[in-house]
Amino acid sequence: MAASSPLDAYSQIVAGVAAALTPAVASLRVPRSAQRGGESMGSAVAYTRDGFLLTNAHVVGRAHGGTALFADGTSTAFAVVGSDPLSDLAVVRAGGQTPPPAELGEADDLVVGQLVVAVGSPLGLAGSVTAGVVSALGRSLPTRSGAAARLVEDVIQTDAALNPGNSGGALADAHCRVVGINTAVAGIGLGLAVPVNATSRRIISVLMRDGRVRRAYLGLVSIPAPLPLPLQERLGRRSGLRVAEVVPGGPAARAGLRAGDLLLSAGGNPVAAAQDLQRLMFGEAIGQPLAVTVMRNGALVDVIAEPSELVAA
């Protein structure tokens, strides 16, 4: 950094990310239902050169389209291509010209304490930027739409300030790569983002192709947890998933899984992080027996769960 620069190194990084990503992040205006009237606001990230934008499923809701406003003042109508409530991801396509797309990164490479920058349109203010760090990884986010309980798995927790309207905006690393899509404000100083990784890329691809993703649903909230030392040595890994909550009446509850269980494997595959379980929850798992092994009160317990299909509320 030049001695004459008015910015310190931290500020230079944040300013660089803001300059690179602000043009690619749109403010979305989405019409509400006829009963409610008006419109809701959110954000979206351009990620292809032919007009596809990535946002949250809860931002577009049941709407078929809306208007995207970019930071340079241009606006264009968009159509909803597809939506996946379980991941809270949606793909929309602009009908007009869009700015150069943002580069998608890899959230699986993030570490706790790493600098991240959020770019979005909180309260309809396009091009707003906040910065913070990755506070935690592998969180589960319980959500509710109507009568249906849902869980957004493997979210990124950050202390970058988020406000209503940030949903659907970019969470970026110091290299201007989008590593998450901001999805929720969970409390003061606490924001959550859907990670950009192999699982979410698969979801995005299916949404672009088919408009929907058939998703299997277990109905549990989990958090990463260390394995007891003897189990670490036996399994050759250090972590599993602690079941924090089981959705009443869901497949996990029917299989006998309980809060406090330490999830070790599912379908014969080791489960060390939330994405290990999430990547199993696609259409081919619906209605099929899924062998699950947990540690409960110091003993290994095997159960058979049968994931159901996530049905839109």
Protein backbone atom coordinates (compact mmCIF):
# COMPACT_ATOMS: atom_id res chain seq x y z
CA MET A 1 0.00 0.00 0.00
CA ALA A 2 1.39 3.39 -0.99
CA ALA A 3 2.18 5.72 1.89
CA SER A 4 0.02 8.40 0.26
CA SER A 5 -3.06 6.17 0.08
CA PRO A 6 -5.95 7.48 2.23
CA LEU A 7 -7.16 3.90 2.81
CA ASP A 8 -5.73 1.24 5.09
CA ALA A 9 -5.38 -2.32 3.82
CA TYR A 10 -8.74 -3.45 5.23
CA SER A 11 -10.54 -0.50 3.65
CA GLN A 12 -8.83 -1.11 0.33
CA ILE A 13 -10.12 -4.70 0.25
CA VAL A 14 -13.69 -3.72 1.14
CA ALA A 15 -13.69 -0.81 -1.32
CA GLY A 16 -12.35 -3.10 -4.04
CA VAL A 17 -15.06 -5.70 -3.47
CA ALA A 18 -17.72 -2.97 -3.43
CA ALA A 19 -16.48 -1.51 -6.71
CA ALA A 20 -16.38 -4.92 -8.39
CA LEU A 21 -19.72 -6.30 -7.18
CA THR A 22 -22.07 -3.34 -6.80
CA PRO A 23 -22.78 -3.14 -10.56
CA ALA A 24 -23.74 -6.85 -10.63
CA VAL A 25 -26.19 -6.68 -7.70
CA ALA A 26 -29.75 -5.61 -8.48
CA SER A 27 -32.59 -4.37 -6.32
CA LEU A 28 -35.65 -6.53 -7.01
CA ARG A 29 -39.18 -5.21 -6.79
CA VAL A 30 -41.62 -8.09 -6.62
CA PRO A 31 -45.42 -7.61 -6.76
CA ARG A 32 -47.33 -9.09 -3.84
CA SER A 33 -50.54 -11.08 -4.17
CA ALA A 34 -53.74 -9.27 -5.14
CA GLN A 35 -55.01 -9.71 -1.58
CA ARG A 36 -51.99 -8.00 0.01
CA GLY A 37 -51.22 -5.51 -2.75
CA GLY A 38 -48.08 -3.43 -3.18
CA GLU A 39 -44.65 -4.95 -3.68
CA SER A 40 -41.82 -6.46 -1.69
CA MET A 41 -38.14 -5.71 -2.13
CA GLY A 42 -35.02 -7.83 -2.19
CA SER A 43 -31.73 -8.20 -4.02
CA ALA A 44 -30.26 -10.44 -6.73
CA VAL A 45 -26.84 -11.17 -8.21
CA ALA A 46 -26.14 -11.39 -11.94
CA TYR A 47 -24.06 -14.53 -12.54
CA THR A 48 -24.27 -15.20 -16.29
CA ARG A 49 -23.77 -12.98 -19.30
CA ASP A 50 -27.20 -13.85 -20.71
CA GLY A 51 -29.30 -12.35 -17.94
CA PHE A 52 -29.65 -15.00 -15.23
CA LEU A 53 -29.71 -13.66 -11.67
CA LEU A 54 -29.52 -15.54 -8.39
CA THR A 55 -31.70 -14.58 -5.42
CA ASN A 56 -33.69 -16.11 -2.55
CA ALA A 57 -36.81 -18.20 -2.93
CA HIS A 58 -38.51 -16.16 -0.22
CA VAL A 59 -37.78 -12.94 -2.14
CA VAL A 60 -39.77 -14.00 -5.22
CA GLY A 61 -42.37 -16.02 -3.29
CA ARG A 62 -45.17 -17.05 -5.63
CA ALA A 63 -44.62 -14.18 -8.07
CA HIS A 64 -43.90 -14.86 -11.73
CA GLY A 65 -41.78 -11.77 -12.29
CA GLY A 66 -41.01 -8.21 -11.32
CA THR A 67 -38.51 -5.43 -11.95
CA ALA A 68 -34.73 -5.41 -11.42
CA LEU A 69 -33.03 -2.07 -10.78
CA PHE A 70 -29.24 -1.90 -11.08
CA ALA A 71 -26.86 0.52 -9.38
CA ASP A 72 -26.23 2.44 -12.63
CA GLY A 73 -29.92 3.38 -12.74
CA THR A 74 -30.99 0.97 -15.48
CA SER A 75 -34.00 -1.25 -14.90
CA THR A 76 -35.46 -4.27 -16.63
CA ALA A 77 -38.34 -6.65 -16.16
CA PHE A 78 -37.46 -10.16 -15.01
CA ALA A 79 -39.22 -13.52 -15.06
CA VAL A 80 -38.90 -16.16 -12.34
CA VAL A 81 -37.23 -19.23 -13.86
CA GLY A 82 -37.37 -21.48 -10.81
CA SER A 83 -37.41 -21.55 -7.03
CA ASP A 84 -36.27 -24.04 -4.36
CA PRO A 85 -37.66 -23.25 -0.89
CA LEU A 86 -35.51 -25.81 0.94
CA SER A 87 -32.27 -24.10 -0.09
CA ASP A 88 -33.96 -20.66 -0.26
CA LEU A 89 -32.48 -20.19 -3.73
CA ALA A 90 -34.24 -18.91 -6.82
CA VAL A 91 -33.17 -18.10 -10.38
CA VAL A 92 -34.68 -15.22 -12.33
CA ARG A 93 -33.89 -13.98 -15.84
CA ALA A 94 -33.79 -10.36 -16.89
CA GLY A 95 -35.60 -9.42 -20.06
CA GLY A 96 -33.16 -6.63 -20.91
CA GLN A 97 -29.45 -6.00 -20.83
CA THR A 98 -27.62 -6.69 -17.57
CA PRO A 99 -24.16 -5.66 -16.26
CA PRO A 100 -21.19 -8.06 -16.43
CA PRO A 101 -21.81 -10.99 -14.06
CA ALA A 102 -20.18 -11.60 -10.71
CA GLU A 103 -17.81 -14.54 -10.27
CA LEU A 104 -19.10 -17.36 -8.08
CA GLY A 105 -16.62 -18.64 -5.49
CA GLU A 106 -16.44 -21.67 -3.19
CA ALA A 107 -17.95 -21.45 0.29
CA ASP A 108 -16.45 -24.78 1.35
CA ASP A 109 -13.06 -23.01 1.49
CA LEU A 110 -14.24 -20.42 4.02
CA VAL A 111 -12.86 -20.40 7.55
CA VAL A 112 -14.29 -18.83 10.70
CA GLY A 113 -12.90 -15.32 11.15
CA GLN A 114 -12.45 -14.71 7.41
CA LEU A 115 -13.36 -11.28 6.03
CA VAL A 116 -16.59 -11.16 4.01
CA VAL A 117 -18.45 -8.28 2.37
CA ALA A 118 -22.22 -8.08 1.87
CA VAL A 119 -23.60 -6.18 -1.12
CA GLY A 120 -27.34 -5.67 -1.54
CA SER A 121 -30.29 -3.32 -1.41
CA PRO A 122 -31.40 -3.04 2.21
CA LEU A 123 -34.63 -1.04 2.57
CA GLY A 124 -34.54 -0.53 -1.20
CA LEU A 125 -31.23 1.37 -1.09
CA ALA A 126 -29.38 -0.17 -4.05
CA GLY A 127 -25.63 -0.67 -3.85
CA SER A 128 -25.31 -0.80 -0.06
CA VAL A 129 -22.15 -2.44 1.31
CA THR A 130 -21.33 -3.80 4.77
CA ALA A 131 -18.36 -5.87 5.94
CA GLY A 132 -17.66 -8.35 8.70
CA VAL A 133 -16.32 -11.83 9.27
CA VAL A 134 -17.53 -15.39 8.99
CA SER A 135 -18.87 -16.02 12.49
CA ALA A 136 -19.73 -19.72 12.05
CA LEU A 137 -20.22 -22.35 9.35
CA GLY A 138 -22.63 -25.23 8.88
CA ARG A 139 -25.62 -23.66 10.62
CA SER A 140 -29.22 -24.75 9.99
CA LEU A 141 -31.93 -22.12 9.60
CA PRO A 142 -35.51 -23.06 10.62
CA THR A 143 -38.06 -21.19 8.52
CA ARG A 144 -41.82 -21.29 8.12
CA SER A 145 -44.01 -20.58 5.10
CA GLY A 146 -47.70 -20.86 5.89
CA ALA A 147 -48.17 -24.12 7.78
CA ALA A 148 -45.04 -25.77 6.40
CA ALA A 149 -41.86 -25.89 8.50
CA ARG A 150 -38.64 -25.86 6.50
CA LEU A 151 -34.95 -25.97 7.22
CA VAL A 152 -32.30 -24.19 5.16
CA GLU A 153 -29.21 -26.30 5.78
CA ASP A 154 -25.51 -25.45 5.89
CA VAL A 155 -25.83 -21.68 6.06
CA ILE A 156 -22.99 -19.23 6.68
CA GLN A 157 -23.27 -17.05 9.78
CA THR A 158 -21.74 -13.58 9.52
CA ASP A 159 -21.68 -10.39 11.56
CA ALA A 160 -21.80 -8.24 8.40
CA ALA A 161 -24.82 -5.99 8.99
CA LEU A 162 -27.91 -7.11 7.08
CA ASN A 163 -31.30 -5.41 6.87
CA PRO A 164 -34.61 -6.15 5.13
CA GLY A 165 -33.96 -6.05 1.40
CA ASN A 166 -30.45 -7.54 1.69
CA SER A 167 -31.97 -10.98 1.05
CA GLY A 168 -30.78 -12.29 -2.32
CA GLY A 169 -27.69 -10.08 -2.32
CA ALA A 170 -24.06 -11.16 -2.49
CA LEU A 171 -21.78 -12.27 0.31
CA ALA A 172 -18.27 -12.06 -1.13
CA ASP A 173 -14.73 -12.91 -0.10
CA ALA A 174 -11.76 -10.56 -0.34
CA HIS A 175 -11.16 -11.66 -3.97
CA CYS A 176 -14.59 -10.39 -5.09
CA ARG A 177 -15.98 -13.92 -5.46
CA VAL A 178 -19.56 -14.53 -4.37
CA VAL A 179 -19.41 -17.23 -1.70
CA GLY A 180 -22.96 -16.86 -0.39
CA ILE A 181 -26.41 -15.42 -1.05
CA ASN A 182 -27.64 -13.43 1.95
CA THR A 183 -30.85 -14.98 3.19
CA ALA A 184 -31.84 -13.75 6.64
CA VAL A 185 -31.38 -11.34 9.48
CA ALA A 186 -31.35 -13.59 12.54
CA GLY A 187 -30.85 -10.89 15.18
CA ILE A 188 -28.69 -7.90 16.05
CA GLY A 189 -25.21 -8.49 14.63
CA LEU A 190 -26.21 -11.84 13.14
CA GLY A 191 -26.78 -12.52 9.44
CA LEU A 192 -27.09 -15.76 7.49
CA ALA A 193 -26.24 -16.66 3.89
CA VAL A 194 -26.80 -19.69 1.67
CA PRO A 195 -23.34 -21.00 0.64
CA VAL A 196 -22.19 -21.21 -2.96
CA ASN A 197 -20.74 -24.71 -3.24
CA ALA A 198 -21.16 -27.95 -5.21
CA THR A 199 -24.62 -28.58 -3.75
CA SER A 200 -25.97 -25.11 -4.48
CA ARG A 201 -24.44 -25.16 -7.97
CA ARG A 202 -26.36 -28.37 -8.62
CA ILE A 203 -29.55 -26.71 -7.40
CA ILE A 204 -28.96 -23.66 -9.59
CA SER A 205 -28.33 -25.85 -12.65
CA VAL A 206 -31.53 -27.84 -12.09
CA LEU A 207 -33.55 -24.65 -11.57
CA MET A 208 -32.25 -23.24 -14.86
CA ARG A 209 -33.12 -26.48 -16.66
CA ASP A 210 -36.36 -27.63 -15.02
CA GLY A 211 -37.65 -24.66 -13.02
CA ARG A 212 -37.89 -26.69 -9.82
CA VAL A 213 -35.87 -29.11 -7.73
CA ARG A 214 -37.40 -32.25 -6.30
CA ARG A 215 -36.02 -32.24 -2.79
CA ALA A 216 -36.03 -34.91 -0.14
CA TYR A 217 -36.83 -33.71 3.37
CA LEU A 218 -35.77 -35.17 6.72
CA GLY A 219 -36.98 -32.50 9.10
CA LEU A 220 -34.19 -31.90 11.54
CA VAL A 221 -32.00 -28.99 12.62
CA SER A 222 -28.34 -29.88 13.12
CA ILE A 223 -25.12 -28.19 14.15
CA PRO A 224 -21.51 -29.42 13.74
CA ALA A 225 -20.18 -31.12 16.86
CA PRO A 226 -16.90 -32.86 17.80
CA LEU A 227 -16.89 -36.64 18.11
CA PRO A 228 -15.72 -38.27 21.35
CA LEU A 229 -12.02 -39.11 21.15
CA PRO A 230 -12.49 -42.92 20.93
CA LEU A 231 -14.92 -42.41 18.06
CA GLN A 232 -12.53 -40.01 16.32
CA GLU A 233 -9.88 -42.72 16.34
CA ARG A 234 -12.31 -45.39 15.19
CA LEU A 235 -13.85 -43.38 12.33
CA GLY A 236 -10.80 -41.36 11.34
CA ARG A 237 -12.57 -38.01 11.53
CA ARG A 238 -13.19 -35.39 14.15
CA SER A 239 -16.78 -34.21 13.72
CA GLY A 240 -20.39 -35.19 13.18
CA LEU A 241 -23.75 -33.39 13.36
CA ARG A 242 -25.58 -32.82 16.61
CA VAL A 243 -29.36 -32.95 16.18
CA ALA A 244 -30.56 -29.72 17.78
CA GLU A 245 -34.23 -30.00 16.86
CA VAL A 246 -36.53 -32.54 15.20
CA VAL A 247 -39.58 -31.23 13.34
CA PRO A 248 -42.67 -32.88 14.84
CA GLY A 249 -44.29 -35.35 12.46
CA GLY A 250 -41.41 -35.20 9.98
CA PRO A 251 -39.45 -38.16 8.59
CA ALA A 252 -36.70 -37.85 11.21
CA ALA A 253 -39.27 -37.83 14.02
CA ARG A 254 -41.07 -40.86 12.57
CA ALA A 255 -37.74 -42.72 12.38
CA GLY A 256 -37.13 -42.09 16.08
CA LEU A 257 -34.35 -39.53 15.82
CA ARG A 258 -34.15 -37.22 18.83
CA ALA A 259 -32.67 -33.89 19.76
CA GLY A 260 -29.21 -34.54 21.20
CA ASP A 261 -28.41 -37.45 18.88
CA LEU A 262 -24.96 -37.23 17.28
CA LEU A 263 -25.38 -38.04 13.59
CA LEU A 264 -22.49 -40.14 12.23
CA SER A 265 -23.61 -41.52 8.86
CA ALA A 266 -26.52 -41.51 6.45
CA GLY A 267 -27.04 -43.87 3.54
CA GLY A 268 -23.69 -45.46 4.26
CA ASN A 269 -21.91 -42.13 3.84
CA PRO A 270 -20.01 -40.41 6.66
CA VAL A 271 -21.62 -37.21 7.90
CA ALA A 272 -19.10 -34.70 9.20
CA ALA A 273 -20.76 -31.46 8.11
CA ALA A 274 -24.21 -30.22 7.10
CA GLN A 275 -23.40 -30.38 3.39
CA ASP A 276 -22.70 -34.13 3.69
CA LEU A 277 -26.35 -34.64 4.62
CA GLN A 278 -27.71 -31.98 2.29
CA ARG A 279 -26.13 -33.46 -0.82
CA LEU A 280 -28.11 -36.67 -0.20
CA MET A 281 -31.45 -34.84 -0.13
CA PHE A 282 -32.33 -34.77 -3.81
CA GLY A 283 -35.16 -36.37 -5.74
CA GLU A 284 -33.73 -39.88 -5.88
CA ALA A 285 -33.88 -40.14 -2.07
CA ILE A 286 -37.63 -39.43 -1.83
CA GLY A 287 -39.53 -42.39 -0.38
CA GLN A 288 -36.43 -44.57 -0.20
CA PRO A 289 -35.11 -46.15 3.03
CA LEU A 290 -32.17 -44.18 4.38
CA ALA A 291 -30.03 -45.90 7.00
CA VAL A 292 -28.92 -43.43 9.67
CA THR A 293 -26.42 -44.09 12.45
CA VAL A 294 -26.27 -41.88 15.52
CA MET A 295 -24.58 -41.93 18.89
CA ARG A 296 -27.11 -41.65 21.72
CA ASN A 297 -26.15 -41.78 25.39
CA GLY A 298 -22.77 -43.30 24.49
CA ALA A 299 -24.22 -46.10 22.33
CA LEU A 300 -24.46 -46.44 18.54
CA VAL A 301 -28.07 -46.54 17.33
CA ASP A 302 -29.21 -47.43 13.79
CA VAL A 303 -32.53 -46.19 12.45
CA ILE A 304 -34.21 -46.22 9.04
CA ALA A 305 -35.65 -42.92 7.88
CA GLU A 306 -37.73 -42.42 4.75
CA PRO A 307 -37.31 -38.90 3.40
CA SER A 308 -40.45 -37.28 2.06
CA GLU A 309 -40.72 -34.79 -0.76
CA LEU A 310 -40.69 -31.13 0.15
CA VAL A 311 -44.06 -29.76 -0.96
CA ALA A 312 -44.47 -26.04 -1.52
CA ALA A 313 -46.77 -24.37 0.98
